[in-house]
């Protein structure tokens, strides 16, 4: 005779763990501190983009991270 496994106890503990994790991840306090990103577009020549990609690659940055870095540095330099 096989024993029947109690699914209620297992599912309740799993739900409570996942429920608490979901609250933690989607809480408004953690999301309020993080600002949403804005998608922007611009046009540049393909040869200049290739030069920038090489430069960013040498710095260990992806295209998007390199652009963000360059914009932050530009903003620091020309803040006045």
Protein backbone atom coordinates (compact mmCIF):
# COMPACT_ATOMS: atom_id res chain seq x y z
CA UNK A 1 0.00 0.00 0.00
CA UNK A 2 1.48 3.34 -1.08
CA UNK A 3 1.23 6.45 1.01
CA UNK A 4 -0.40 9.46 -0.56
CA UNK A 5 1.79 12.55 -0.51
CA UNK A 6 0.23 15.63 1.03
CA UNK A 7 0.26 18.28 -1.69
CA UNK A 8 -1.40 20.92 0.50
CA UNK A 9 1.57 21.37 2.84
CA UNK A 10 4.11 21.51 0.01
CA UNK A 11 2.11 23.94 -2.13
CA UNK A 12 1.38 26.27 0.82
CA UNK A 13 5.06 26.61 1.72
CA UNK A 14 6.03 27.09 -1.93
CA UNK A 15 3.34 29.70 -2.44
CA UNK A 16 4.38 31.61 0.65
CA UNK A 17 8.02 31.64 -0.47
CA UNK A 18 7.17 32.69 -4.01
CA UNK A 19 4.62 35.17 -2.72
CA UNK A 20 7.17 36.84 -0.45
CA UNK A 21 9.77 36.87 -3.23
CA UNK A 22 7.25 38.43 -5.63
CA UNK A 23 6.43 41.12 -3.08
CA UNK A 24 10.14 41.84 -2.67
CA UNK A 25 10.81 42.05 -6.41
CA UNK A 26 7.74 44.07 -7.34
CA UNK A 27 7.50 46.31 -4.29
CA UNK A 28 7.07 49.96 -5.12
CA UNK A 29 9.87 51.04 -2.76
CA UNK A 30 12.58 49.26 -4.75
CA UNK A 31 11.12 50.34 -8.09
CA UNK A 32 10.75 53.96 -6.97
CA UNK A 33 14.49 54.25 -6.41
CA UNK A 34 15.24 52.98 -9.91
CA UNK A 35 14.43 55.37 -12.73
CA UNK A 36 12.97 54.03 -15.95
CA UNK A 37 15.12 54.23 -19.08
CA UNK A 38 14.10 56.19 -22.16
CA UNK A 39 14.75 54.81 -25.64
CA UNK A 40 16.46 57.36 -27.88
CA UNK A 41 17.58 57.23 -31.49
CA UNK A 42 20.13 59.13 -33.50
CA UNK A 43 21.87 58.79 -36.85
CA UNK A 44 25.61 58.55 -37.48
CA UNK A 45 27.77 57.43 -40.36
CA UNK A 46 28.53 53.68 -40.41
CA UNK A 47 32.29 54.31 -40.46
CA UNK A 48 32.08 56.54 -37.36
CA UNK A 49 29.94 53.94 -35.60
CA UNK A 50 32.54 51.28 -36.37
CA UNK A 51 35.26 53.52 -34.87
CA UNK A 52 33.18 54.05 -31.74
CA UNK A 53 32.42 50.33 -31.45
CA UNK A 54 36.17 49.59 -31.62
CA UNK A 55 36.88 52.23 -28.97
CA UNK A 56 34.14 50.94 -26.67
CA UNK A 57 35.31 47.36 -27.21
CA UNK A 58 38.84 48.35 -26.16
CA UNK A 59 37.32 49.86 -23.01
CA UNK A 60 35.37 46.66 -22.37
CA UNK A 61 32.01 48.29 -23.02
CA UNK A 62 29.10 47.33 -25.24
CA UNK A 63 27.67 49.83 -27.71
CA UNK A 64 24.89 50.99 -25.37
CA UNK A 65 27.14 51.16 -22.31
CA UNK A 66 29.73 53.11 -24.30
CA UNK A 67 27.17 55.64 -25.47
CA UNK A 68 25.86 56.07 -21.90
CA UNK A 69 29.45 56.52 -20.67
CA UNK A 70 30.23 59.08 -23.39
CA UNK A 71 27.06 61.06 -22.65
CA UNK A 72 27.80 61.13 -18.91
CA UNK A 73 31.37 62.31 -19.54
CA UNK A 74 30.14 64.97 -21.98
CA UNK A 75 27.60 66.13 -19.41
CA UNK A 76 30.28 66.36 -16.70
CA UNK A 77 32.65 68.31 -18.96
CA UNK A 78 30.07 70.79 -20.29
CA UNK A 79 27.88 71.10 -17.20
CA UNK A 80 28.44 74.87 -17.11
